[in-house]
Amino acid sequence: MTGSEQDVLLGFAQQGLWAAALASAPLLVSVLAVGLVVGLFQAVTSINEATLSFVPKLIVVAIVLAVFGAAILGVVADFAREMFARIPEILT
């Protein structure tokens, strides 16, 4: 494998990681925020109920997917489209 092939493959890996980060960021950030709020509420009230932390996160994930689902799918589709378009570049 030559240096240019390695550069191309590393570029693919970097783009894949970036696409994964962009696709997962809305979900992770929103669940983190809800987890912090629920955790503070549980600490203040001394309520240690597992469903109290799970149900709000599940609701927020559903809302975030409804709002940002098209954008997330667009990021993943753009990445896949670009990778398939660059297959001839790899093979030559």
PDB file of N, CA and C in Angstrom:
ATOM      1  N   MET A   1       0.857  -1.174   0.000  1.00  0.00           N
ATOM      2  CA  MET A   1       0.000   0.000   0.000  1.00  0.00           C
ATOM      3  C   MET A   1       0.902   1.236   0.000  1.00  0.00           C
ATOM      4  N   THR A   2       0.651   2.135  -0.922  1.00  0.00           N
ATOM      5  CA  THR A   2       1.479   3.325  -1.040  1.00  0.00           C
ATOM      6  C   THR A   2       0.997   4.400  -0.068  1.00  0.00           C
ATOM      7  N   GLY A   3       1.790   5.437   0.014  1.00  0.00           N
ATOM      8  CA  GLY A   3       1.463   6.530   0.931  1.00  0.00           C
ATOM      9  C   GLY A   3       0.174   7.239   0.569  1.00  0.00           C
ATOM     10  N   SER A   4      -0.096   7.382  -0.732  1.00  0.00           N
ATOM     11  CA  SER A   4      -1.322   8.063  -1.142  1.00  0.00           C
ATOM     12  C   SER A   4      -2.557   7.226  -0.818  1.00  0.00           C
ATOM     13  N   GLU A   5      -2.442   5.889  -0.942  1.00  0.00           N
ATOM     14  CA  GLU A   5      -3.569   5.023  -0.582  1.00  0.00           C
ATOM     15  C   GLU A   5      -3.851   5.102   0.913  1.00  0.00           C
ATOM     16  N   GLN A   6      -2.800   5.157   1.687  1.00  0.00           N
ATOM     17  CA  GLN A   6      -2.973   5.283   3.133  1.00  0.00           C
ATOM     18  C   GLN A   6      -3.630   6.605   3.486  1.00  0.00           C
ATOM     19  N   ASP A   7      -3.236   7.667   2.781  1.00  0.00           N
ATOM     20  CA  ASP A   7      -3.843   8.971   3.024  1.00  0.00           C
ATOM     21  C   ASP A   7      -5.331   8.966   2.692  1.00  0.00           C
ATOM     22  N   VAL A   8      -5.687   8.298   1.608  1.00  0.00           N
ATOM     23  CA  VAL A   8      -7.094   8.215   1.210  1.00  0.00           C
ATOM     24  C   VAL A   8      -7.891   7.451   2.270  1.00  0.00           C
ATOM     25  N   LEU A   9      -7.350   6.308   2.715  1.00  0.00           N
ATOM     26  CA  LEU A   9      -8.050   5.509   3.713  1.00  0.00           C
ATOM     27  C   LEU A   9      -8.144   6.232   5.053  1.00  0.00           C
ATOM     28  N   LEU A  10      -7.109   6.938   5.439  1.00  0.00           N
ATOM     29  CA  LEU A  10      -7.170   7.720   6.671  1.00  0.00           C
ATOM     30  C   LEU A  10      -8.178   8.858   6.544  1.00  0.00           C
ATOM     31  N   GLY A  11      -8.273   9.424   5.356  1.00  0.00           N
ATOM     32  CA  GLY A  11      -9.287  10.450   5.115  1.00  0.00           C
ATOM     33  C   GLY A  11     -10.691   9.891   5.237  1.00  0.00           C
ATOM     34  N   PHE A  12     -10.892   8.672   4.716  1.00  0.00           N
ATOM     35  CA  PHE A  12     -12.190   8.011   4.863  1.00  0.00           C
ATOM     36  C   PHE A  12     -12.519   7.790   6.334  1.00  0.00           C
ATOM     37  N   ALA A  13     -11.546   7.309   7.075  1.00  0.00           N
ATOM     38  CA  ALA A  13     -11.771   7.052   8.499  1.00  0.00           C
ATOM     39  C   ALA A  13     -12.085   8.352   9.242  1.00  0.00           C
ATOM     40  N   GLN A  14     -11.364   9.407   8.907  1.00  0.00           N
ATOM     41  CA  GLN A  14     -11.607  10.689   9.558  1.00  0.00           C
ATOM     42  C   GLN A  14     -13.001  11.215   9.223  1.00  0.00           C
ATOM     43  N   GLN A  15     -13.399  11.107   7.971  1.00  0.00           N
ATOM     44  CA  GLN A  15     -14.744  11.546   7.581  1.00  0.00           C
ATOM     45  C   GLN A  15     -15.815  10.695   8.252  1.00  0.00           C
ATOM     46  N   GLY A  16     -15.557   9.399   8.393  1.00  0.00           N
ATOM     47  CA  GLY A  16     -16.506   8.521   9.057  1.00  0.00           C
ATOM     48  C   GLY A  16     -16.681   8.871  10.528  1.00  0.00           C
ATOM     49  N   LEU A  17     -15.584   9.153  11.197  1.00  0.00           N
ATOM     50  CA  LEU A  17     -15.668   9.556  12.602  1.00  0.00           C
ATOM     51  C   LEU A  17     -16.395  10.890  12.757  1.00  0.00           C
ATOM     52  N   TRP A  18     -16.121  11.805  11.842  1.00  0.00           N
ATOM     53  CA  TRP A  18     -16.778  13.109  11.905  1.00  0.00           C
ATOM     54  C   TRP A  18     -18.280  12.971  11.656  1.00  0.00           C
ATOM     55  N   ALA A  19     -18.653  12.140  10.695  1.00  0.00           N
ATOM     56  CA  ALA A  19     -20.074  11.915  10.417  1.00  0.00           C
ATOM     57  C   ALA A  19     -20.757  11.251  11.613  1.00  0.00           C
ATOM     58  N   ALA A  20     -20.077  10.308  12.249  1.00  0.00           N
ATOM     59  CA  ALA A  20     -20.642   9.658  13.433  1.00  0.00           C
ATOM     60  C   ALA A  20     -20.810  10.652  14.574  1.00  0.00           C
ATOM     61  N   ALA A  21     -19.844  11.542  14.747  1.00  0.00           N
ATOM     62  CA  ALA A  21     -19.949  12.552  15.798  1.00  0.00           C
ATOM     63  C   ALA A  21     -21.103  13.516  15.523  1.00  0.00           C
ATOM     64  N   LEU A  22     -21.243  13.947  14.271  1.00  0.00           N
ATOM     65  CA  LEU A  22     -22.340  14.853  13.926  1.00  0.00           C
ATOM     66  C   LEU A  22     -23.701  14.179  14.072  1.00  0.00           C
ATOM     67  N   ALA A  23     -23.770  12.896  13.735  1.00  0.00           N
ATOM     68  CA  ALA A  23     -25.041  12.180  13.804  1.00  0.00           C
ATOM     69  C   ALA A  23     -25.460  11.908  15.246  1.00  0.00           C
ATOM     70  N   SER A  24     -24.496  11.662  16.118  1.00  0.00           N
ATOM     71  CA  SER A  24     -24.840  11.310  17.497  1.00  0.00           C
ATOM     72  C   SER A  24     -24.875  12.501  18.448  1.00  0.00           C
ATOM     73  N   ALA A  25     -24.332  13.627  18.057  1.00  0.00           N
ATOM     74  CA  ALA A  25     -24.238  14.776  18.958  1.00  0.00           C
ATOM     75  C   ALA A  25     -25.591  15.262  19.498  1.00  0.00           C
ATOM     76  N   PRO A  26     -26.605  15.443  18.665  1.00  0.00           N
ATOM     77  CA  PRO A  26     -27.873  15.932  19.225  1.00  0.00           C
ATOM     78  C   PRO A  26     -28.451  15.000  20.292  1.00  0.00           C
ATOM     79  N   LEU A  27     -28.372  13.707  20.056  1.00  0.00           N
ATOM     80  CA  LEU A  27     -28.893  12.744  21.033  1.00  0.00           C
ATOM     81  C   LEU A  27     -28.067  12.752  22.319  1.00  0.00           C
ATOM     82  N   LEU A  28     -26.752  12.709  22.176  1.00  0.00           N
ATOM     83  CA  LEU A  28     -25.896  12.630  23.357  1.00  0.00           C
ATOM     84  C   LEU A  28     -25.981  13.887  24.217  1.00  0.00           C
ATOM     85  N   VAL A  29     -25.991  15.040  23.585  1.00  0.00           N
ATOM     86  CA  VAL A  29     -26.042  16.293  24.348  1.00  0.00           C
ATOM     87  C   VAL A  29     -27.375  16.431  25.081  1.00  0.00           C
ATOM     88  N   SER A  30     -28.465  16.097  24.410  1.00  0.00           N
ATOM     89  CA  SER A  30     -29.771  16.236  25.062  1.00  0.00           C
ATOM     90  C   SER A  30     -29.943  15.238  26.200  1.00  0.00           C
ATOM     91  N   VAL A  31     -29.496  14.002  26.000  1.00  0.00           N
ATOM     92  CA  VAL A  31     -29.605  13.006  27.074  1.00  0.00           C
ATOM     93  C   VAL A  31     -28.695  13.365  28.244  1.00  0.00           C
ATOM     94  N   LEU A  32     -27.534  13.914  27.955  1.00  0.00           N
ATOM     95  CA  LEU A  32     -26.640  14.364  29.030  1.00  0.00           C
ATOM     96  C   LEU A  32     -27.289  15.461  29.854  1.00  0.00           C
ATOM     97  N   ALA A  33     -27.905  16.431  29.195  1.00  0.00           N
ATOM     98  CA  ALA A  33     -28.552  17.529  29.911  1.00  0.00           C
ATOM     99  C   ALA A  33     -29.705  17.019  30.775  1.00  0.00           C
ATOM    100  N   VAL A  34     -30.525  16.146  30.220  1.00  0.00           N
ATOM    101  CA  VAL A  34     -31.648  15.599  30.994  1.00  0.00           C
ATOM    102  C   VAL A  34     -31.130  14.756  32.149  1.00  0.00           C
ATOM    103  N   GLY A  35     -30.080  13.978  31.916  1.00  0.00           N
ATOM    104  CA  GLY A  35     -29.499  13.166  32.984  1.00  0.00           C
ATOM    105  C   GLY A  35     -28.979  14.011  34.134  1.00  0.00           C
ATOM    106  N   LEU A  36     -28.358  15.137  33.811  1.00  0.00           N
ATOM    107  CA  LEU A  36     -27.872  16.034  34.864  1.00  0.00           C
ATOM    108  C   LEU A  36     -29.018  16.632  35.669  1.00  0.00           C
ATOM    109  N   VAL A  37     -30.065  17.068  34.983  1.00  0.00           N
ATOM    110  CA  VAL A  37     -31.216  17.660  35.676  1.00  0.00           C
ATOM    111  C   VAL A  37     -31.903  16.622  36.556  1.00  0.00           C
ATOM    112  N   VAL A  38     -32.113  15.430  36.026  1.00  0.00           N
ATOM    113  CA  VAL A  38     -32.772  14.381  36.804  1.00  0.00           C
ATOM    114  C   VAL A  38     -31.884  13.949  37.962  1.00  0.00           C
ATOM    115  N   GLY A  39     -30.583  13.861  37.726  1.00  0.00           N
ATOM    116  CA  GLY A  39     -29.653  13.507  38.802  1.00  0.00           C
ATOM    117  C   GLY A  39     -29.662  14.525  39.927  1.00  0.00           C
ATOM    118  N   LEU A  40     -29.697  15.802  39.564  1.00  0.00           N
ATOM    119  CA  LEU A  40     -29.781  16.847  40.599  1.00  0.00           C
ATOM    120  C   LEU A  40     -31.098  16.745  41.363  1.00  0.00           C
ATOM    121  N   PHE A  41     -32.186  16.495  40.648  1.00  0.00           N
ATOM    122  CA  PHE A  41     -33.486  16.338  41.294  1.00  0.00           C
ATOM    123  C   PHE A  41     -33.477  15.149  42.242  1.00  0.00           C
ATOM    124  N   GLN A  42     -32.892  14.046  41.830  1.00  0.00           N
ATOM    125  CA  GLN A  42     -32.828  12.876  42.692  1.00  0.00           C
ATOM    126  C   GLN A  42     -31.937  13.121  43.907  1.00  0.00           C
ATOM    127  N   ALA A  43     -30.855  13.866  43.726  1.00  0.00           N
ATOM    128  CA  ALA A  43     -29.979  14.160  44.857  1.00  0.00           C
ATOM    129  C   ALA A  43     -30.657  15.076  45.862  1.00  0.00           C
ATOM    130  N   VAL A  44     -31.399  16.048  45.364  1.00  0.00           N
ATOM    131  CA  VAL A  44     -32.069  16.991  46.253  1.00  0.00           C
ATOM    132  C   VAL A  44     -33.207  16.323  47.018  1.00  0.00           C
ATOM    133  N   THR A  45     -33.954  15.471  46.349  1.00  0.00           N
ATOM    134  CA  THR A  45     -35.132  14.862  46.974  1.00  0.00           C
ATOM    135  C   THR A  45     -34.846  13.490  47.573  1.00  0.00           C
ATOM    136  N   SER A  46     -33.644  12.956  47.397  1.00  0.00           N
ATOM    137  CA  SER A  46     -33.258  11.632  47.893  1.00  0.00           C
ATOM    138  C   SER A  46     -34.142  10.524  47.333  1.00  0.00           C
ATOM    139  N   ILE A  47     -34.630  10.692  46.123  1.00  0.00           N
ATOM    140  CA  ILE A  47     -35.413   9.660  45.450  1.00  0.00           C
ATOM    141  C   ILE A  47     -34.459   8.873  44.556  1.00  0.00           C
ATOM    142  N   ASN A  48     -34.343   7.588  44.805  1.00  0.00           N
ATOM    143  CA  ASN A  48     -33.474   6.740  43.991  1.00  0.00           C
ATOM    144  C   ASN A  48     -34.305   5.725  43.223  1.00  0.00           C
ATOM    145  N   GLU A  49     -35.058   6.205  42.305  1.00  0.00           N
ATOM    146  CA  GLU A  49     -35.899   5.350  41.473  1.00  0.00           C
ATOM    147  C   GLU A  49     -35.285   5.285  40.077  1.00  0.00           C
ATOM    148  N   ALA A  50     -35.037   4.071  39.577  1.00  0.00           N
ATOM    149  CA  ALA A  50     -34.367   3.908  38.281  1.00  0.00           C
ATOM    150  C   ALA A  50     -35.225   4.424  37.140  1.00  0.00           C
ATOM    151  N   THR A  51     -36.541   4.219  37.230  1.00  0.00           N
ATOM    152  CA  THR A  51     -37.398   4.675  36.137  1.00  0.00           C
ATOM    153  C   THR A  51     -37.469   6.185  36.062  1.00  0.00           C
ATOM    154  N   LEU A  52     -37.190   6.856  37.177  1.00  0.00           N
ATOM    155  CA  LEU A  52     -37.215   8.316  37.176  1.00  0.00           C
ATOM    156  C   LEU A  52     -36.115   8.884  36.291  1.00  0.00           C
ATOM    157  N   SER A  53     -35.013   8.173  36.144  1.00  0.00           N
ATOM    158  CA  SER A  53     -33.963   8.667  35.260  1.00  0.00           C
ATOM    159  C   SER A  53     -34.110   8.119  33.841  1.00  0.00           C
ATOM    160  N   PHE A  54     -34.747   6.964  33.687  1.00  0.00           N
ATOM    161  CA  PHE A  54     -34.840   6.345  32.363  1.00  0.00           C
ATOM    162  C   PHE A  54     -35.948   6.946  31.511  1.00  0.00           C
ATOM    163  N   VAL A  55     -37.108   7.138  32.068  1.00  0.00           N
ATOM    164  CA  VAL A  55     -38.268   7.589  31.291  1.00  0.00           C
ATOM    165  C   VAL A  55     -38.060   8.983  30.691  1.00  0.00           C
ATOM    166  N   PRO A  56     -37.574   9.977  31.445  1.00  0.00           N
ATOM    167  CA  PRO A  56     -37.340  11.285  30.809  1.00  0.00           C
ATOM    168  C   PRO A  56     -36.314  11.231  29.681  1.00  0.00           C
ATOM    169  N   LYS A  57     -35.275  10.411  29.856  1.00  0.00           N
ATOM    170  CA  LYS A  57     -34.283  10.280  28.788  1.00  0.00           C
ATOM    171  C   LYS A  57     -34.905   9.656  27.546  1.00  0.00           C
ATOM    172  N   LEU A  58     -35.737   8.662  27.732  1.00  0.00           N
ATOM    173  CA  LEU A  58     -36.407   8.014  26.608  1.00  0.00           C
ATOM    174  C   LEU A  58     -37.318   8.987  25.870  1.00  0.00           C
ATOM    175  N   ILE A  59     -38.024   9.806  26.614  1.00  0.00           N
ATOM    176  CA  ILE A  59     -38.909  10.810  26.004  1.00  0.00           C
ATOM    177  C   ILE A  59     -38.098  11.838  25.223  1.00  0.00           C
ATOM    178  N   VAL A  60     -36.987  12.286  25.807  1.00  0.00           N
ATOM    179  CA  VAL A  60     -36.149  13.278  25.134  1.00  0.00           C
ATOM    180  C   VAL A  60     -35.532  12.698  23.865  1.00  0.00           C
ATOM    181  N   VAL A  61     -35.119  11.439  23.900  1.00  0.00           N
ATOM    182  CA  VAL A  61     -34.563  10.812  22.701  1.00  0.00           C
ATOM    183  C   VAL A  61     -35.615  10.765  21.594  1.00  0.00           C
ATOM    184  N   ALA A  62     -36.850  10.435  21.944  1.00  0.00           N
ATOM    185  CA  ALA A  62     -37.915  10.397  20.936  1.00  0.00           C
ATOM    186  C   ALA A  62     -38.164  11.784  20.351  1.00  0.00           C
ATOM    187  N   ILE A  63     -38.169  12.805  21.193  1.00  0.00           N
ATOM    188  CA  ILE A  63     -38.395  14.172  20.716  1.00  0.00           C
ATOM    189  C   ILE A  63     -37.242  14.638  19.831  1.00  0.00           C
ATOM    190  N   VAL A  64     -36.014  14.369  20.260  1.00  0.00           N
ATOM    191  CA  VAL A  64     -34.847  14.792  19.482  1.00  0.00           C
ATOM    192  C   VAL A  64     -34.813  14.077  18.134  1.00  0.00           C
ATOM    193  N   LEU A  65     -35.153  12.789  18.120  1.00  0.00           N
ATOM    194  CA  LEU A  65     -35.196  12.079  16.843  1.00  0.00           C
ATOM    195  C   LEU A  65     -36.288  12.618  15.932  1.00  0.00           C
ATOM    196  N   ALA A  66     -37.415  13.019  16.514  1.00  0.00           N
ATOM    197  CA  ALA A  66     -38.484  13.586  15.702  1.00  0.00           C
ATOM    198  C   ALA A  66     -38.067  14.936  15.110  1.00  0.00           C
ATOM    199  N   VAL A  67     -37.327  15.723  15.887  1.00  0.00           N
ATOM    200  CA  VAL A  67     -36.931  17.061  15.439  1.00  0.00           C
ATOM    201  C   VAL A  67     -35.712  17.004  14.510  1.00  0.00           C
ATOM    202  N   PHE A  68     -34.683  16.245  14.918  1.00  0.00           N
ATOM    203  CA  PHE A  68     -33.415  16.242  14.185  1.00  0.00           C
ATOM    204  C   PHE A  68     -33.197  14.990  13.354  1.00  0.00           C
ATOM    205  N   GLY A  69     -34.174  14.107  13.277  1.00  0.00           N
ATOM    206  CA  GLY A  69     -33.999  12.850  12.560  1.00  0.00           C
ATOM    207  C   GLY A  69     -33.643  13.030  11.103  1.00  0.00           C
ATOM    208  N   ALA A  70     -34.287  13.971  10.440  1.00  0.00           N
ATOM    209  CA  ALA A  70     -33.997  14.200   9.022  1.00  0.00           C
ATOM    210  C   ALA A  70     -32.578  14.721   8.820  1.00  0.00           C
ATOM    211  N   ALA A  71     -32.130  15.593   9.703  1.00  0.00           N
ATOM    212  CA  ALA A  71     -30.771  16.125   9.591  1.00  0.00           C
ATOM    213  C   ALA A  71     -29.739  15.036   9.863  1.00  0.00           C
ATOM    214  N   ILE A  72     -29.998  14.188  10.847  1.00  0.00           N
ATOM    215  CA  ILE A  72     -29.086  13.086  11.154  1.00  0.00           C
ATOM    216  C   ILE A  72     -29.012  12.124   9.971  1.00  0.00           C
ATOM    217  N   LEU A  73     -30.161  11.784   9.423  1.00  0.00           N
ATOM    218  CA  LEU A  73     -30.185  10.896   8.259  1.00  0.00           C
ATOM    219  C   LEU A  73     -29.481  11.540   7.071  1.00  0.00           C
ATOM    220  N   GLY A  74     -29.608  12.854   6.927  1.00  0.00           N
ATOM    221  CA  GLY A  74     -28.916  13.559   5.847  1.00  0.00           C
ATOM    222  C   GLY A  74     -27.410  13.475   5.976  1.00  0.00           C
ATOM    223  N   VAL A  75     -26.900  13.609   7.193  1.00  0.00           N
ATOM    224  CA  VAL A  75     -25.452  13.507   7.425  1.00  0.00           C
ATOM    225  C   VAL A  75     -24.957  12.111   7.064  1.00  0.00           C
ATOM    226  N   VAL A  76     -25.677  11.092   7.510  1.00  0.00           N
ATOM    227  CA  VAL A  76     -25.271   9.715   7.226  1.00  0.00           C
ATOM    228  C   VAL A  76     -25.391   9.412   5.734  1.00  0.00           C
ATOM    229  N   ALA A  77     -26.453   9.879   5.103  1.00  0.00           N
ATOM    230  CA  ALA A  77     -26.638   9.638   3.669  1.00  0.00           C
ATOM    231  C   ALA A  77     -25.573  10.355   2.847  1.00  0.00           C
ATOM    232  N   ASP A  78     -25.234  11.585   3.212  1.00  0.00           N
ATOM    233  CA  ASP A  78     -24.182  12.310   2.493  1.00  0.00           C
ATOM    234  C   ASP A  78     -22.846  11.586   2.605  1.00  0.00           C
ATOM    235  N   PHE A  79     -22.548  11.093   3.802  1.00  0.00           N
ATOM    236  CA  PHE A  79     -21.302  10.355   3.989  1.00  0.00           C
ATOM    237  C   PHE A  79     -21.289   9.093   3.130  1.00  0.00           C
ATOM    238  N   ALA A  80     -22.381   8.332   3.151  1.00  0.00           N
ATOM    239  CA  ALA A  80     -22.440   7.098   2.363  1.00  0.00           C
ATOM    240  C   ALA A  80     -22.353   7.404   0.874  1.00  0.00           C
ATOM    241  N   ARG A  81     -23.045   8.448   0.434  1.00  0.00           N
ATOM    242  CA  ARG A  81     -23.015   8.821  -0.983  1.00  0.00           C
ATOM    243  C   ARG A  81     -21.592   9.191  -1.415  1.00  0.00           C
ATOM    244  N   GLU A  82     -20.900   9.939  -0.579  1.00  0.00           N
ATOM    245  CA  GLU A  82     -19.535  10.338  -0.912  1.00  0.00           C
ATOM    246  C   GLU A  82     -18.590   9.141  -0.926  1.00  0.00           C
ATOM    247  N   MET A  83     -18.768   8.224   0.008  1.00  0.00           N
ATOM    248  CA  MET A  83     -17.910   7.035   0.032  1.00  0.00           C
ATOM    249  C   MET A  83     -18.125   6.174  -1.212  1.00  0.00           C
ATOM    250  N   PHE A  84     -19.388   5.980  -1.610  1.00  0.00           N
ATOM    251  CA  PHE A  84     -19.662   5.189  -2.805  1.00  0.00           C
ATOM    252  C   PHE A  84     -19.144   5.891  -4.063  1.00  0.00           C
ATOM    253  N   ALA A  85     -19.197   7.198  -4.087  1.00  0.00           N
ATOM    254  CA  ALA A  85     -18.709   7.934  -5.250  1.00  0.00           C
ATOM    255  C   ALA A  85     -17.186   7.851  -5.361  1.00  0.00           C
ATOM    256  N   ARG A  86     -16.509   7.637  -4.239  1.00  0.00           N
ATOM    257  CA  ARG A  86     -15.049   7.596  -4.257  1.00  0.00           C
ATOM    258  C   ARG A  86     -14.475   6.192  -4.418  1.00  0.00           C
ATOM    259  N   ILE A  87     -15.339   5.200  -4.594  1.00  0.00           N
ATOM    260  CA  ILE A  87     -14.850   3.825  -4.777  1.00  0.00           C
ATOM    261  C   ILE A  87     -13.931   3.720  -6.017  1.00  0.00           C
ATOM    262  N   PRO A  88     -14.283   4.313  -7.140  1.00  0.00           N
ATOM    263  CA  PRO A  88     -13.374   4.219  -8.298  1.00  0.00           C
ATOM    264  C   PRO A  88     -11.997   4.822  -8.017  1.00  0.00           C
ATOM    265  N   GLU A  89     -11.960   5.854  -7.188  1.00  0.00           N
ATOM    266  CA  GLU A  89     -10.674   6.471  -6.849  1.00  0.00           C
ATOM    267  C   GLU A  89      -9.797   5.494  -6.068  1.00  0.00           C
ATOM    268  N   ILE A  90     -10.406   4.674  -5.250  1.00  0.00           N
ATOM    269  CA  ILE A  90      -9.642   3.711  -4.468  1.00  0.00           C
ATOM    270  C   ILE A  90      -9.117   2.591  -5.359  1.00  0.00           C
ATOM    271  N   LEU A  91      -9.949   2.147  -6.287  1.00  0.00           N
ATOM    272  CA  LEU A  91      -9.602   0.986  -7.105  1.00  0.00           C
ATOM    273  C   LEU A  91      -8.553   1.284  -8.177  1.00  0.00           C
ATOM    274  N   THR A  92      -8.378   2.544  -8.525  1.00  0.00           N
ATOM    275  CA  THR A  92      -7.391   2.857  -9.561  1.00  0.00           C
ATOM    276  C   THR A  92      -6.057   3.202  -8.990  1.00  0.00           C
TER     277      THR A  92
END
